[in-house]
Amino acid sequence: MRINTEPKLNFEDVLLQPKRSTLSSRRDVDMTRKFTFRNSGKVMDFLPIFASNMDGVGTFSMAKEMQKHKMMTVITKTTTPEQWQAAAGTGLGKHEESFRNVPRCQDDYC
């Protein structure tokens, strides 16, 4: 048996201090990040916060609202290909071409 003698820290041992900043307001903070996808080479610039795909949350209307703030939405698995086509047709986002080739359901798991 190996005994680990390294000190352990908890919240009482850690002090977070704000750093000086030249920003005049919290509104000036930019939390977006650039993500480059390895296989496609596409680059997306967004805030890495995702709305869950729970029923009633992962909807296209939620996606449109979250998109205004550069956030993402995980669409529910019960969404039909026709609903995807309709959403892409209404301009769900600036990457509309991504939704044009939505595959049709091939089995009962869609």
C-alpha atoms as a PDB file:
ATOM      1  CA  MET A   1       0.000   0.000   0.000  1.00  0.00           C
ATOM      2  CA  ARG A   2       1.267   3.468  -0.902  1.00  0.00           C
ATOM      3  CA  ILE A   3       0.499   6.387   1.384  1.00  0.00           C
ATOM      4  CA  ASN A   4       0.170   9.784  -0.265  1.00  0.00           C
ATOM      5  CA  THR A   5       1.655  12.450   2.022  1.00  0.00           C
ATOM      6  CA  GLU A   6       1.100  15.467  -0.264  1.00  0.00           C
ATOM      7  CA  PRO A   7      -0.912  18.275   1.334  1.00  0.00           C
ATOM      8  CA  LYS A   8      -4.576  18.435   0.407  1.00  0.00           C
ATOM      9  CA  LEU A   9      -6.318  21.780  -0.071  1.00  0.00           C
ATOM     10  CA  ASN A  10      -9.948  22.685   0.430  1.00  0.00           C
ATOM     11  CA  PHE A  11     -11.889  25.930  -0.017  1.00  0.00           C
ATOM     12  CA  GLU A  12     -10.558  27.344   3.258  1.00  0.00           C
ATOM     13  CA  ASP A  13      -6.986  27.034   1.960  1.00  0.00           C
ATOM     14  CA  VAL A  14      -7.527  28.757  -1.380  1.00  0.00           C
ATOM     15  CA  LEU A  15      -7.928  32.483  -1.823  1.00  0.00           C
ATOM     16  CA  LEU A  16      -9.037  33.844  -5.192  1.00  0.00           C
ATOM     17  CA  GLN A  17      -8.105  37.449  -5.693  1.00  0.00           C
ATOM     18  CA  PRO A  18      -9.333  39.514  -8.610  1.00  0.00           C
ATOM     19  CA  LYS A  19      -6.665  40.702 -10.984  1.00  0.00           C
ATOM     20  CA  ARG A  20      -6.279  44.349 -11.967  1.00  0.00           C
ATOM     21  CA  SER A  21      -7.903  45.116 -15.259  1.00  0.00           C
ATOM     22  CA  THR A  22      -8.153  47.954 -17.732  1.00  0.00           C
ATOM     23  CA  LEU A  23     -11.817  47.155 -18.423  1.00  0.00           C
ATOM     24  CA  SER A  24     -14.205  49.831 -17.302  1.00  0.00           C
ATOM     25  CA  SER A  25     -17.260  47.571 -17.151  1.00  0.00           C
ATOM     26  CA  ARG A  26     -18.157  43.879 -16.852  1.00  0.00           C
ATOM     27  CA  ARG A  27     -19.924  44.269 -20.198  1.00  0.00           C
ATOM     28  CA  ASP A  28     -16.517  44.633 -21.835  1.00  0.00           C
ATOM     29  CA  VAL A  29     -15.537  41.070 -20.892  1.00  0.00           C
ATOM     30  CA  ASP A  30     -15.387  38.727 -23.884  1.00  0.00           C
ATOM     31  CA  MET A  31     -15.784  35.075 -22.890  1.00  0.00           C
ATOM     32  CA  THR A  32     -16.119  33.663 -26.405  1.00  0.00           C
ATOM     33  CA  ARG A  33     -13.569  31.157 -27.612  1.00  0.00           C
ATOM     34  CA  LYS A  34     -12.490  29.991 -31.056  1.00  0.00           C
ATOM     35  CA  PHE A  35     -12.864  26.271 -31.694  1.00  0.00           C
ATOM     36  CA  THR A  36     -11.248  24.614 -34.701  1.00  0.00           C
ATOM     37  CA  PHE A  37     -12.715  21.234 -35.585  1.00  0.00           C
ATOM     38  CA  ARG A  38      -9.989  18.745 -36.400  1.00  0.00           C
ATOM     39  CA  ASN A  39     -11.733  16.757 -39.147  1.00  0.00           C
ATOM     40  CA  SER A  40     -13.555  19.514 -41.007  1.00  0.00           C
ATOM     41  CA  GLY A  41     -11.170  22.378 -40.358  1.00  0.00           C
ATOM     42  CA  LYS A  42     -14.144  24.661 -39.644  1.00  0.00           C
ATOM     43  CA  VAL A  43     -13.678  27.370 -37.047  1.00  0.00           C
ATOM     44  CA  MET A  44     -16.475  28.498 -34.734  1.00  0.00           C
ATOM     45  CA  ASP A  45     -16.358  31.433 -32.366  1.00  0.00           C
ATOM     46  CA  PHE A  46     -18.839  30.972 -29.515  1.00  0.00           C
ATOM     47  CA  LEU A  47     -19.358  30.949 -25.770  1.00  0.00           C
ATOM     48  CA  PRO A  48     -18.956  27.336 -24.570  1.00  0.00           C
ATOM     49  CA  ILE A  49     -22.300  27.208 -22.768  1.00  0.00           C
ATOM     50  CA  PHE A  50     -24.863  24.692 -24.015  1.00  0.00           C
ATOM     51  CA  ALA A  51     -28.584  24.437 -23.291  1.00  0.00           C
ATOM     52  CA  SER A  52     -29.505  20.878 -22.412  1.00  0.00           C
ATOM     53  CA  ASN A  53     -31.407  18.579 -24.741  1.00  0.00           C
ATOM     54  CA  MET A  54     -34.219  18.012 -22.224  1.00  0.00           C
ATOM     55  CA  ASP A  55     -37.765  18.169 -23.571  1.00  0.00           C
ATOM     56  CA  GLY A  56     -38.878  21.751 -23.753  1.00  0.00           C
ATOM     57  CA  VAL A  57     -35.327  23.142 -23.550  1.00  0.00           C
ATOM     58  CA  GLY A  58     -33.509  21.894 -26.649  1.00  0.00           C
ATOM     59  CA  THR A  59     -35.836  23.543 -29.139  1.00  0.00           C
ATOM     60  CA  PHE A  60     -35.213  25.659 -32.199  1.00  0.00           C
ATOM     61  CA  SER A  61     -36.760  28.708 -30.550  1.00  0.00           C
ATOM     62  CA  MET A  62     -34.332  28.299 -27.640  1.00  0.00           C
ATOM     63  CA  ALA A  63     -31.485  27.887 -30.138  1.00  0.00           C
ATOM     64  CA  LYS A  64     -32.391  31.179 -31.826  1.00  0.00           C
ATOM     65  CA  GLU A  65     -32.382  33.048 -28.506  1.00  0.00           C
ATOM     66  CA  MET A  66     -29.151  31.471 -27.285  1.00  0.00           C
ATOM     67  CA  GLN A  67     -27.522  32.148 -30.636  1.00  0.00           C
ATOM     68  CA  LYS A  68     -27.975  35.880 -30.070  1.00  0.00           C
ATOM     69  CA  HIS A  69     -25.432  35.523 -27.247  1.00  0.00           C
ATOM     70  CA  LYS A  70     -23.161  33.098 -29.170  1.00  0.00           C
ATOM     71  CA  MET A  71     -24.278  30.114 -27.079  1.00  0.00           C
ATOM     72  CA  MET A  72     -25.240  26.655 -28.314  1.00  0.00           C
ATOM     73  CA  THR A  73     -28.296  24.427 -27.893  1.00  0.00           C
ATOM     74  CA  VAL A  74     -28.406  20.643 -28.030  1.00  0.00           C
ATOM     75  CA  ILE A  75     -31.586  19.840 -29.954  1.00  0.00           C
ATOM     76  CA  THR A  76     -33.821  17.079 -28.559  1.00  0.00           C
ATOM     77  CA  LYS A  77     -33.507  13.610 -30.084  1.00  0.00           C
ATOM     78  CA  THR A  78     -37.234  13.528 -30.851  1.00  0.00           C
ATOM     79  CA  THR A  79     -36.850  16.289 -33.446  1.00  0.00           C
ATOM     80  CA  THR A  80     -37.834  14.979 -36.859  1.00  0.00           C
ATOM     81  CA  PRO A  81     -35.838  15.602 -40.064  1.00  0.00           C
ATOM     82  CA  GLU A  82     -38.773  17.690 -41.301  1.00  0.00           C
ATOM     83  CA  GLN A  83     -38.467  19.958 -38.260  1.00  0.00           C
ATOM     84  CA  TRP A  84     -34.728  20.305 -38.953  1.00  0.00           C
ATOM     85  CA  GLN A  85     -35.452  21.217 -42.583  1.00  0.00           C
ATOM     86  CA  ALA A  86     -38.093  23.760 -41.519  1.00  0.00           C
ATOM     87  CA  ALA A  87     -35.738  25.353 -38.978  1.00  0.00           C
ATOM     88  CA  ALA A  88     -32.915  25.623 -41.503  1.00  0.00           C
ATOM     89  CA  GLY A  89     -35.318  27.191 -43.964  1.00  0.00           C
ATOM     90  CA  THR A  90     -36.219  29.922 -41.468  1.00  0.00           C
ATOM     91  CA  GLY A  91     -32.608  30.929 -41.055  1.00  0.00           C
ATOM     92  CA  LEU A  92     -31.731  29.183 -37.824  1.00  0.00           C
ATOM     93  CA  GLY A  93     -28.255  30.583 -38.118  1.00  0.00           C
ATOM     94  CA  LYS A  94     -25.517  31.869 -40.326  1.00  0.00           C
ATOM     95  CA  HIS A  95     -24.353  28.277 -40.928  1.00  0.00           C
ATOM     96  CA  GLU A  96     -27.556  27.332 -42.723  1.00  0.00           C
ATOM     97  CA  GLU A  97     -25.723  25.089 -45.210  1.00  0.00           C
ATOM     98  CA  SER A  98     -24.917  22.717 -42.327  1.00  0.00           C
ATOM     99  CA  PHE A  99     -28.600  21.802 -42.036  1.00  0.00           C
ATOM    100  CA  ARG A 100     -29.349  21.244 -45.718  1.00  0.00           C
ATOM    101  CA  ASN A 101     -28.203  17.618 -45.814  1.00  0.00           C
ATOM    102  CA  VAL A 102     -29.868  16.354 -42.655  1.00  0.00           C
ATOM    103  CA  PRO A 103     -29.999  12.563 -43.050  1.00  0.00           C
ATOM    104  CA  ARG A 104     -33.338  10.818 -43.036  1.00  0.00           C
ATOM    105  CA  CYS A 105     -34.130   8.301 -40.319  1.00  0.00           C
ATOM    106  CA  GLN A 106     -33.078   4.791 -41.301  1.00  0.00           C
ATOM    107  CA  ASP A 107     -34.221   2.940 -38.204  1.00  0.00           C
ATOM    108  CA  ASP A 108     -36.498   3.158 -35.181  1.00  0.00           C
ATOM    109  CA  TYR A 109     -33.908   4.937 -32.999  1.00  0.00           C
ATOM    110  CA  CYS A 110     -34.434   8.394 -34.516  1.00  0.00           C
END
